[in-house]
Amino acid sequence: PVLQAADILLYKGNVVPVGEDQIPHVEITREIAR
């Protein structure tokens, strides 16, 4: 999930389309960005 956070934030993604089961990964990304 940390590598996924790097994937998203490297391109400064604002929106992440996910199913409900992937919400925890987005939250980890948000925590790391914060």
Full PDB file with SEQRES, HELIX, SHEET, SSBOND, CRYST1, ORIGX, SCALE, CONECT and MASTER records, all heavy atoms in Angstrom:
SEQRES   1 A   34  PRO VAL LEU GLN ALA ALA ASP ILE LEU LEU TYR LYS GLY          
SEQRES   2 A   34  ASN VAL VAL PRO VAL GLY GLU ASP GLN ILE PRO HIS VAL          
SEQRES   3 A   34  GLU ILE THR ARG GLU ILE ALA ARG                              
HELIX    1 AA1 VAL A    2  LEU A   10  1                                   9    
HELIX    2 AA2 GLU A   20  GLN A   22  5                                   3    
HELIX    3 AA3 ILE A   23  ALA A   33  1                                  11    
CRYST1    1.000    1.000    1.000  90.00  90.00  90.00 P 1           1          
ORIGX1      1.000000  0.000000  0.000000        0.00000                         
ORIGX2      0.000000  1.000000  0.000000        0.00000                         
ORIGX3      0.000000  0.000000  1.000000        0.00000                         
SCALE1      1.000000  0.000000  0.000000        0.00000                         
SCALE2      0.000000  1.000000  0.000000        0.00000                         
SCALE3      0.000000  0.000000  1.000000        0.00000                         
ATOM      1  N   PRO A   1       0.817  -1.225   0.000  1.00  0.00           N  
ATOM      2  CA  PRO A   1       0.000   0.000   0.000  1.00  0.00           C  
ATOM      3  C   PRO A   1       0.849   1.273   0.000  1.00  0.00           C  
ATOM      4  O   PRO A   1       0.396   2.317  -0.469  1.00  0.00           O  
ATOM      5  CB  PRO A   1      -0.811  -0.122   1.302  1.00  0.00           C  
ATOM      6  CG  PRO A   1      -0.839  -1.575   1.609  1.00  0.00           C  
ATOM      7  CD  PRO A   1       0.502  -2.075   1.165  1.00  0.00           C  
ATOM      8  N   VAL A   2       2.087   1.179   0.519  1.00  0.00           N  
ATOM      9  CA  VAL A   2       2.984   2.338   0.493  1.00  0.00           C  
ATOM     10  C   VAL A   2       3.464   2.583  -0.938  1.00  0.00           C  
ATOM     11  O   VAL A   2       3.563   3.731  -1.389  1.00  0.00           O  
ATOM     12  CB  VAL A   2       4.181   2.125   1.434  1.00  0.00           C  
ATOM     13  CG1 VAL A   2       5.056   3.370   1.481  1.00  0.00           C  
ATOM     14  CG2 VAL A   2       3.697   1.766   2.842  1.00  0.00           C  
ATOM     15  N   LEU A   3       3.739   1.513  -1.671  1.00  0.00           N  
ATOM     16  CA  LEU A   3       4.105   1.660  -3.077  1.00  0.00           C  
ATOM     17  C   LEU A   3       2.925   2.212  -3.869  1.00  0.00           C  
ATOM     18  O   LEU A   3       3.105   3.050  -4.749  1.00  0.00           O  
ATOM     19  CB  LEU A   3       4.561   0.313  -3.656  1.00  0.00           C  
ATOM     20  CG  LEU A   3       4.991   0.308  -5.129  1.00  0.00           C  
ATOM     21  CD1 LEU A   3       6.068   1.354  -5.401  1.00  0.00           C  
ATOM     22  CD2 LEU A   3       5.477  -1.082  -5.538  1.00  0.00           C  
ATOM     23  N   GLN A   4       1.719   1.771  -3.536  1.00  0.00           N  
ATOM     24  CA  GLN A   4       0.543   2.335  -4.196  1.00  0.00           C  
ATOM     25  C   GLN A   4       0.409   3.825  -3.901  1.00  0.00           C  
ATOM     26  O   GLN A   4       0.030   4.607  -4.788  1.00  0.00           O  
ATOM     27  CB  GLN A   4      -0.723   1.592  -3.747  1.00  0.00           C  
ATOM     28  CG  GLN A   4      -0.855   0.204  -4.344  1.00  0.00           C  
ATOM     29  CD  GLN A   4      -2.160  -0.459  -3.972  1.00  0.00           C  
ATOM     30  OE1 GLN A   4      -2.716  -0.208  -2.906  1.00  0.00           O  
ATOM     31  NE2 GLN A   4      -2.658  -1.316  -4.841  1.00  0.00           N  
ATOM     32  N   ALA A   5       0.708   4.207  -2.668  1.00  0.00           N  
ATOM     33  CA  ALA A   5       0.670   5.628  -2.326  1.00  0.00           C  
ATOM     34  C   ALA A   5       1.673   6.408  -3.169  1.00  0.00           C  
ATOM     35  O   ALA A   5       1.374   7.503  -3.661  1.00  0.00           O  
ATOM     36  CB  ALA A   5       0.968   5.808  -0.837  1.00  0.00           C  
ATOM     37  N   ALA A   6       2.871   5.835  -3.352  1.00  0.00           N  
ATOM     38  CA  ALA A   6       3.871   6.487  -4.196  1.00  0.00           C  
ATOM     39  C   ALA A   6       3.378   6.577  -5.638  1.00  0.00           C  
ATOM     40  O   ALA A   6       3.568   7.605  -6.306  1.00  0.00           O  
ATOM     41  CB  ALA A   6       5.191   5.720  -4.122  1.00  0.00           C  
ATOM     42  N   ASP A   7       2.740   5.517  -6.121  1.00  0.00           N  
ATOM     43  CA  ASP A   7       2.206   5.521  -7.486  1.00  0.00           C  
ATOM     44  C   ASP A   7       1.229   6.675  -7.686  1.00  0.00           C  
ATOM     45  O   ASP A   7       1.282   7.396  -8.685  1.00  0.00           O  
ATOM     46  CB  ASP A   7       1.471   4.209  -7.773  1.00  0.00           C  
ATOM     47  CG  ASP A   7       2.371   2.988  -7.719  1.00  0.00           C  
ATOM     48  OD1 ASP A   7       3.596   3.144  -7.894  1.00  0.00           O  
ATOM     49  OD2 ASP A   7       1.845   1.883  -7.507  1.00  0.00           O  
ATOM     50  N   ILE A   8       0.325   6.833  -6.730  1.00  0.00           N  
ATOM     51  CA  ILE A   8      -0.735   7.849  -6.844  1.00  0.00           C  
ATOM     52  C   ILE A   8      -0.167   9.261  -6.665  1.00  0.00           C  
ATOM     53  O   ILE A   8      -0.433  10.165  -7.469  1.00  0.00           O  
ATOM     54  CB  ILE A   8      -1.834   7.586  -5.800  1.00  0.00           C  
ATOM     55  CG1 ILE A   8      -2.537   6.259  -6.089  1.00  0.00           C  
ATOM     56  CG2 ILE A   8      -2.854   8.732  -5.784  1.00  0.00           C  
ATOM     57  CD1 ILE A   8      -3.389   5.747  -4.936  1.00  0.00           C  
ATOM     58  N   LEU A   9       0.630   9.438  -5.623  1.00  0.00           N  
ATOM     59  CA  LEU A   9       1.067  10.786  -5.263  1.00  0.00           C  
ATOM     60  C   LEU A   9       2.196  11.297  -6.141  1.00  0.00           C  
ATOM     61  O   LEU A   9       2.384  12.510  -6.264  1.00  0.00           O  
ATOM     62  CB  LEU A   9       1.476  10.814  -3.793  1.00  0.00           C  
ATOM     63  CG  LEU A   9       0.324  10.547  -2.814  1.00  0.00           C  
ATOM     64  CD1 LEU A   9       0.834  10.510  -1.383  1.00  0.00           C  
ATOM     65  CD2 LEU A   9      -0.769  11.602  -2.960  1.00  0.00           C  
ATOM     66  N   LEU A  10       2.931  10.390  -6.767  1.00  0.00           N  
ATOM     67  CA  LEU A  10       3.976  10.821  -7.695  1.00  0.00           C  
ATOM     68  C   LEU A  10       3.377  11.656  -8.830  1.00  0.00           C  
ATOM     69  O   LEU A  10       4.014  12.574  -9.351  1.00  0.00           O  
ATOM     70  CB  LEU A  10       4.701   9.596  -8.264  1.00  0.00           C  
ATOM     71  CG  LEU A  10       6.015   9.804  -9.002  1.00  0.00           C  
ATOM     72  CD1 LEU A  10       7.021  10.574  -8.157  1.00  0.00           C  
ATOM     73  CD2 LEU A  10       6.594   8.462  -9.420  1.00  0.00           C  
ATOM     74  N   TYR A  11       2.130  11.355  -9.192  1.00  0.00           N  
ATOM     75  CA  TYR A  11       1.436  12.097 -10.254  1.00  0.00           C  
ATOM     76  C   TYR A  11       0.382  13.037  -9.670  1.00  0.00           C  
ATOM     77  O   TYR A  11      -0.440  13.579 -10.396  1.00  0.00           O  
ATOM     78  CB  TYR A  11       0.828  11.102 -11.259  1.00  0.00           C  
ATOM     79  CG  TYR A  11       1.902  10.201 -11.809  1.00  0.00           C  
ATOM     80  CD1 TYR A  11       2.192   8.983 -11.178  1.00  0.00           C  
ATOM     81  CD2 TYR A  11       2.701  10.593 -12.868  1.00  0.00           C  
ATOM     82  CE1 TYR A  11       3.233   8.181 -11.618  1.00  0.00           C  
ATOM     83  CE2 TYR A  11       3.742   9.800 -13.315  1.00  0.00           C  
ATOM     84  CZ  TYR A  11       4.007   8.597 -12.682  1.00  0.00           C  
ATOM     85  OH  TYR A  11       5.053   7.807 -13.106  1.00  0.00           O  
ATOM     86  N   LYS A  12       0.417  13.172  -8.336  1.00  0.00           N  
ATOM     87  CA  LYS A  12      -0.486  14.065  -7.615  1.00  0.00           C  
ATOM     88  C   LYS A  12      -1.940  13.771  -7.943  1.00  0.00           C  
ATOM     89  O   LYS A  12      -2.726  14.673  -8.280  1.00  0.00           O  
ATOM     90  CB  LYS A  12      -0.129  15.526  -7.882  1.00  0.00           C  
ATOM     91  CG  LYS A  12       1.287  15.875  -7.419  1.00  0.00           C  
ATOM     92  CD  LYS A  12       1.522  17.368  -7.336  1.00  0.00           C  
ATOM     93  CE  LYS A  12       2.904  17.670  -6.786  1.00  0.00           C  
ATOM     94  NZ  LYS A  12       3.145  19.101  -6.577  1.00  0.00           N  
ATOM     95  N   GLY A  13      -2.280  12.490  -7.837  1.00  0.00           N  
ATOM     96  CA  GLY A  13      -3.661  12.093  -8.091  1.00  0.00           C  
ATOM     97  C   GLY A  13      -4.607  12.701  -7.077  1.00  0.00           C  
ATOM     98  O   GLY A  13      -4.362  12.639  -5.874  1.00  0.00           O  
ATOM     99  N   ASN A  14      -5.681  13.305  -7.575  1.00  0.00           N  
ATOM    100  CA  ASN A  14      -6.692  13.897  -6.705  1.00  0.00           C  
ATOM    101  C   ASN A  14      -7.828  12.930  -6.410  1.00  0.00           C  
ATOM    102  O   ASN A  14      -8.479  13.017  -5.369  1.00  0.00           O  
ATOM    103  CB  ASN A  14      -7.307  15.148  -7.350  1.00  0.00           C  
ATOM    104  CG  ASN A  14      -6.273  16.144  -7.797  1.00  0.00           C  
ATOM    105  OD1 ASN A  14      -5.955  16.222  -8.987  1.00  0.00           O  
ATOM    106  ND2 ASN A  14      -5.739  16.921  -6.870  1.00  0.00           N  
ATOM    107  N   VAL A  15      -8.066  12.031  -7.368  1.00  0.00           N  
ATOM    108  CA  VAL A  15      -9.208  11.135  -7.289  1.00  0.00           C  
ATOM    109  C   VAL A  15      -8.733   9.711  -7.556  1.00  0.00           C  
ATOM    110  O   VAL A  15      -7.938   9.476  -8.479  1.00  0.00           O  
ATOM    111  CB  VAL A  15     -10.302  11.519  -8.319  1.00  0.00           C  
ATOM    112  CG1 VAL A  15     -11.459  10.546  -8.282  1.00  0.00           C  
ATOM    113  CG2 VAL A  15     -10.788  12.941  -8.072  1.00  0.00           C  
ATOM    114  N   VAL A  16      -9.201   8.765  -6.743  1.00  0.00           N  
ATOM    115  CA  VAL A  16      -8.834   7.369  -6.922  1.00  0.00           C  
ATOM    116  C   VAL A  16     -10.112   6.545  -7.063  1.00  0.00           C  
ATOM    117  O   VAL A  16     -10.845   6.352  -6.093  1.00  0.00           O  
ATOM    118  CB  VAL A  16      -8.020   6.838  -5.721  1.00  0.00           C  
ATOM    119  CG1 VAL A  16      -7.553   5.411  -5.990  1.00  0.00           C  
ATOM    120  CG2 VAL A  16      -6.826   7.737  -5.437  1.00  0.00           C  
ATOM    121  N   PRO A  17     -10.425   6.079  -8.277  1.00  0.00           N  
ATOM    122  CA  PRO A  17     -11.619   5.247  -8.449  1.00  0.00           C  
ATOM    123  C   PRO A  17     -11.381   3.847  -7.900  1.00  0.00           C  
ATOM    124  O   PRO A  17     -10.475   3.146  -8.337  1.00  0.00           O  
ATOM    125  CB  PRO A  17     -11.818   5.226  -9.972  1.00  0.00           C  
ATOM    126  CG  PRO A  17     -10.459   5.492 -10.540  1.00  0.00           C  
ATOM    127  CD  PRO A  17      -9.718   6.325  -9.541  1.00  0.00           C  
ATOM    128  N   VAL A  18     -12.161   3.458  -6.898  1.00  0.00           N  
ATOM    129  CA  VAL A  18     -11.954   2.171  -6.238  1.00  0.00           C  
ATOM    130  C   VAL A  18     -13.283   1.542  -5.854  1.00  0.00           C  
ATOM    131  O   VAL A  18     -14.304   2.215  -5.736  1.00  0.00           O  
ATOM    132  CB  VAL A  18     -11.105   2.321  -4.946  1.00  0.00           C  
ATOM    133  CG1 VAL A  18      -9.683   2.705  -5.255  1.00  0.00           C  
ATOM    134  CG2 VAL A  18     -11.744   3.324  -3.996  1.00  0.00           C  
ATOM    135  N   GLY A  19     -13.239   0.241  -5.647  1.00  0.00           N  
ATOM    136  CA  GLY A  19     -14.336  -0.442  -5.006  1.00  0.00           C  
ATOM    137  C   GLY A  19     -14.206  -0.276  -3.505  1.00  0.00           C  
ATOM    138  O   GLY A  19     -13.158   0.142  -2.994  1.00  0.00           O  
ATOM    139  N   GLU A  20     -15.248  -0.612  -2.777  1.00  0.00           N  
ATOM    140  CA  GLU A  20     -15.241  -0.390  -1.336  1.00  0.00           C  
ATOM    141  C   GLU A  20     -14.115  -1.156  -0.643  1.00  0.00           C  
ATOM    142  O   GLU A  20     -13.587  -0.708   0.388  1.00  0.00           O  
ATOM    143  CB  GLU A  20     -16.593  -0.775  -0.742  1.00  0.00           C  
ATOM    144  CG  GLU A  20     -17.706   0.188  -1.129  1.00  0.00           C  
ATOM    145  CD  GLU A  20     -18.991  -0.086  -0.381  1.00  0.00           C  
ATOM    146  OE1 GLU A  20     -18.953  -0.861   0.589  1.00  0.00           O  
ATOM    147  OE2 GLU A  20     -20.027   0.479  -0.768  1.00  0.00           O  
ATOM    148  N   ASP A  21     -13.715  -2.301  -1.207  1.00  0.00           N  
ATOM    149  CA  ASP A  21     -12.669  -3.101  -0.559  1.00  0.00           C  
ATOM    150  C   ASP A  21     -11.302  -2.436  -0.622  1.00  0.00           C  
ATOM    151  O   ASP A  21     -10.382  -2.818   0.104  1.00  0.00           O  
ATOM    152  CB  ASP A  21     -12.603  -4.499  -1.183  1.00  0.00           C  
ATOM    153  CG  ASP A  21     -12.266  -4.457  -2.671  1.00  0.00           C  
ATOM    154  OD1 ASP A  21     -12.668  -3.479  -3.346  1.00  0.00           O  
ATOM    155  OD2 ASP A  21     -11.620  -5.385  -3.171  1.00  0.00           O  
ATOM    156  N   GLN A  22     -11.149  -1.419  -1.488  1.00  0.00           N  
ATOM    157  CA  GLN A  22      -9.863  -0.743  -1.625  1.00  0.00           C  
ATOM    158  C   GLN A  22      -9.790   0.578  -0.855  1.00  0.00           C  
ATOM    159  O   GLN A  22      -8.760   1.256  -0.872  1.00  0.00           O  
ATOM    160  CB  GLN A  22      -9.572  -0.476  -3.107  1.00  0.00           C  
ATOM    161  CG  GLN A  22      -9.331  -1.730  -3.913  1.00  0.00           C  
ATOM    162  CD  GLN A  22      -8.040  -2.417  -3.522  1.00  0.00           C  
ATOM    163  OE1 GLN A  22      -6.994  -1.786  -3.444  1.00  0.00           O  
ATOM    164  NE2 GLN A  22      -8.097  -3.713  -3.272  1.00  0.00           N  
ATOM    165  N   ILE A  23     -10.864   0.927  -0.164  1.00  0.00           N  
ATOM    166  CA  ILE A  23     -10.882   2.166   0.605  1.00  0.00           C  
ATOM    167  C   ILE A  23      -9.730   2.235   1.620  1.00  0.00           C  
ATOM    168  O   ILE A  23      -9.104   3.287   1.788  1.00  0.00           O  
ATOM    169  CB  ILE A  23     -12.237   2.342   1.313  1.00  0.00           C  
ATOM    170  CG1 ILE A  23     -13.333   2.658   0.289  1.00  0.00           C  
ATOM    171  CG2 ILE A  23     -12.177   3.464   2.349  1.00  0.00           C  
ATOM    172  CD1 ILE A  23     -13.181   3.993  -0.383  1.00  0.00           C  
ATOM    173  N   PRO A  24      -9.400   1.127   2.314  1.00  0.00           N  
ATOM    174  CA  PRO A  24      -8.287   1.204   3.270  1.00  0.00           C  
ATOM    175  C   PRO A  24      -6.969   1.639   2.639  1.00  0.00           C  
ATOM    176  O   PRO A  24      -6.162   2.321   3.280  1.00  0.00           O  
ATOM    177  CB  PRO A  24      -8.192  -0.229   3.817  1.00  0.00           C  
ATOM    178  CG  PRO A  24      -9.569  -0.783   3.675  1.00  0.00           C  
ATOM    179  CD  PRO A  24     -10.085  -0.188   2.393  1.00  0.00           C  
ATOM    180  N   HIS A  25      -6.741   1.276   1.370  1.00  0.00           N  
ATOM    181  CA  HIS A  25      -5.510   1.681   0.696  1.00  0.00           C  
ATOM    182  C   HIS A  25      -5.491   3.183   0.444  1.00  0.00           C  
ATOM    183  O   HIS A  25      -4.449   3.834   0.590  1.00  0.00           O  
ATOM    184  CB  HIS A  25      -5.367   0.945  -0.634  1.00  0.00           C  
ATOM    185  CG  HIS A  25      -5.057  -0.504  -0.474  1.00  0.00           C  
ATOM    186  ND1 HIS A  25      -4.954  -1.369  -1.536  1.00  0.00           N  
ATOM    187  CD2 HIS A  25      -4.825  -1.255   0.625  1.00  0.00           C  
ATOM    188  CE1 HIS A  25      -4.679  -2.580  -1.099  1.00  0.00           C  
ATOM    189  NE2 HIS A  25      -4.605  -2.531   0.214  1.00  0.00           N  
ATOM    190  N   VAL A  26      -6.627   3.722   0.059  1.00  0.00           N  
ATOM    191  CA  VAL A  26      -6.690   5.162  -0.179  1.00  0.00           C  
ATOM    192  C   VAL A  26      -6.467   5.916   1.122  1.00  0.00           C  
ATOM    193  O   VAL A  26      -5.810   6.965   1.146  1.00  0.00           O  
ATOM    194  CB  VAL A  26      -8.039   5.554  -0.815  1.00  0.00           C  
ATOM    195  CG1 VAL A  26      -8.075   7.053  -1.097  1.00  0.00           C  
ATOM    196  CG2 VAL A  26      -8.270   4.786  -2.111  1.00  0.00           C  
ATOM    197  N   GLU A  27      -6.986   5.382   2.212  1.00  0.00           N  
ATOM    198  CA  GLU A  27      -6.801   6.038   3.506  1.00  0.00           C  
ATOM    199  C   GLU A  27      -5.327   6.056   3.910  1.00  0.00           C  
ATOM    200  O   GLU A  27      -4.831   7.054   4.446  1.00  0.00           O  
ATOM    201  CB  GLU A  27      -7.629   5.340   4.579  1.00  0.00           C  
ATOM    202  CG  GLU A  27      -7.599   6.050   5.928  1.00  0.00           C  
ATOM    203  CD  GLU A  27      -7.968   7.522   5.846  1.00  0.00           C  
ATOM    204  OE1 GLU A  27      -8.904   7.878   5.085  1.00  0.00           O  
ATOM    205  OE2 GLU A  27      -7.303   8.335   6.520  1.00  0.00           O  
ATOM    206  N   ILE A  28      -4.611   4.970   3.610  1.00  0.00           N  
ATOM    207  CA  ILE A  28      -3.169   4.950   3.886  1.00  0.00           C  
ATOM    208  C   ILE A  28      -2.460   6.008   3.046  1.00  0.00           C  
ATOM    209  O   ILE A  28      -1.568   6.718   3.529  1.00  0.00           O  
ATOM    210  CB  ILE A  28      -2.585   3.540   3.621  1.00  0.00           C  
ATOM    211  CG1 ILE A  28      -3.046   2.569   4.714  1.00  0.00           C  
ATOM    212  CG2 ILE A  28      -1.056   3.579   3.563  1.00  0.00           C  
ATOM    213  CD1 ILE A  28      -2.646   1.125   4.469  1.00  0.00           C  
ATOM    214  N   THR A  29      -2.862   6.130   1.786  1.00  0.00           N  
ATOM    215  CA  THR A  29      -2.281   7.164   0.917  1.00  0.00           C  
ATOM    216  C   THR A  29      -2.536   8.555   1.487  1.00  0.00           C  
ATOM    217  O   THR A  29      -1.637   9.406   1.513  1.00  0.00           O  
ATOM    218  CB  THR A  29      -2.866   7.065  -0.499  1.00  0.00           C  
ATOM    219  OG1 THR A  29      -2.545   5.787  -1.062  1.00  0.00           O  
ATOM    220  CG2 THR A  29      -2.320   8.155  -1.408  1.00  0.00           C  
ATOM    221  N   ARG A  30      -3.736   8.792   1.958  1.00  0.00           N  
ATOM    222  CA  ARG A  30      -4.083  10.097   2.538  1.00  0.00           C  
ATOM    223  C   ARG A  30      -3.251  10.372   3.793  1.00  0.00           C  
ATOM    224  O   ARG A  30      -2.775  11.492   4.005  1.00  0.00           O  
ATOM    225  CB  ARG A  30      -5.575  10.145   2.864  1.00  0.00           C  
ATOM    226  CG  ARG A  30      -6.470  10.217   1.625  1.00  0.00           C  
ATOM    227  CD  ARG A  30      -7.952  10.041   1.977  1.00  0.00           C  
ATOM    228  NE  ARG A  30      -8.392  11.004   2.980  1.00  0.00           N  
ATOM    229  CZ  ARG A  30      -8.768  12.244   2.708  1.00  0.00           C  
ATOM    230  NH1 ARG A  30      -8.749  12.683   1.456  1.00  0.00           N  
ATOM    231  NH2 ARG A  30      -9.179  13.061   3.661  1.00  0.00           N  
ATOM    232  N   GLU A  31      -3.078   9.346   4.617  1.00  0.00           N  
ATOM    233  CA  GLU A  31      -2.292   9.509   5.841  1.00  0.00           C  
ATOM    234  C   GLU A  31      -0.836   9.868   5.522  1.00  0.00           C  
ATOM    235  O   GLU A  31      -0.242  10.744   6.163  1.00  0.00           O  
ATOM    236  CB  GLU A  31      -2.329   8.222   6.661  1.00  0.00           C  
ATOM    237  CG  GLU A  31      -3.672   7.939   7.308  1.00  0.00           C  
ATOM    238  CD  GLU A  31      -3.690   6.598   8.010  1.00  0.00           C  
ATOM    239  OE1 GLU A  31      -2.590   6.044   8.279  1.00  0.00           O  
ATOM    240  OE2 GLU A  31      -4.786   6.087   8.294  1.00  0.00           O  
ATOM    241  N   ILE A  32      -0.291   9.177   4.521  1.00  0.00           N  
ATOM    242  CA  ILE A  32       1.102   9.437   4.144  1.00  0.00           C  
ATOM    243  C   ILE A  32       1.251  10.849   3.576  1.00  0.00           C  
ATOM    244  O   ILE A  32       2.201  11.578   3.906  1.00  0.00           O  
ATOM    245  CB  ILE A  32       1.587   8.375   3.140  1.00  0.00           C  
ATOM    246  CG1 ILE A  32       1.758   7.023   3.852  1.00  0.00           C  
ATOM    247  CG2 ILE A  32       2.895   8.805   2.476  1.00  0.00           C  
ATOM    248  CD1 ILE A  32       2.090   5.869   2.928  1.00  0.00           C  
ATOM    249  N   ALA A  33       0.317  11.253   2.710  1.00  0.00           N  
ATOM    250  CA  ALA A  33       0.370  12.606   2.146  1.00  0.00           C  
ATOM    251  C   ALA A  33       0.293  13.651   3.252  1.00  0.00           C  
ATOM    252  O   ALA A  33       1.049  14.646   3.255  1.00  0.00           O  
ATOM    253  CB  ALA A  33      -0.775  12.805   1.151  1.00  0.00           C  
ATOM    254  N   ARG A  34      -0.615  13.422   4.191  1.00  0.00           N  
ATOM    255  CA  ARG A  34      -0.805  14.372   5.298  1.00  0.00           C  
ATOM    256  C   ARG A  34       0.457  14.474   6.164  1.00  0.00           C  
ATOM    257  O   ARG A  34       0.884  15.570   6.542  1.00  0.00           O  
ATOM    258  CB  ARG A  34      -2.007  13.909   6.131  1.00  0.00           C  
ATOM    259  CG  ARG A  34      -2.528  14.923   7.113  1.00  0.00           C  
ATOM    260  CD  ARG A  34      -3.985  14.653   7.461  1.00  0.00           C  
ATOM    261  NE  ARG A  34      -4.220  13.284   7.901  1.00  0.00           N  
ATOM    262  CZ  ARG A  34      -5.020  12.417   7.271  1.00  0.00           C  
ATOM    263  NH1 ARG A  34      -5.643  12.765   6.160  1.00  0.00           N  
ATOM    264  NH2 ARG A  34      -5.203  11.198   7.748  1.00  0.00           N  
TER     265      ARG A  34                                                      
MASTER        0    0    0    3    0    0    0    6  264    1    0    3          
END                                                                             
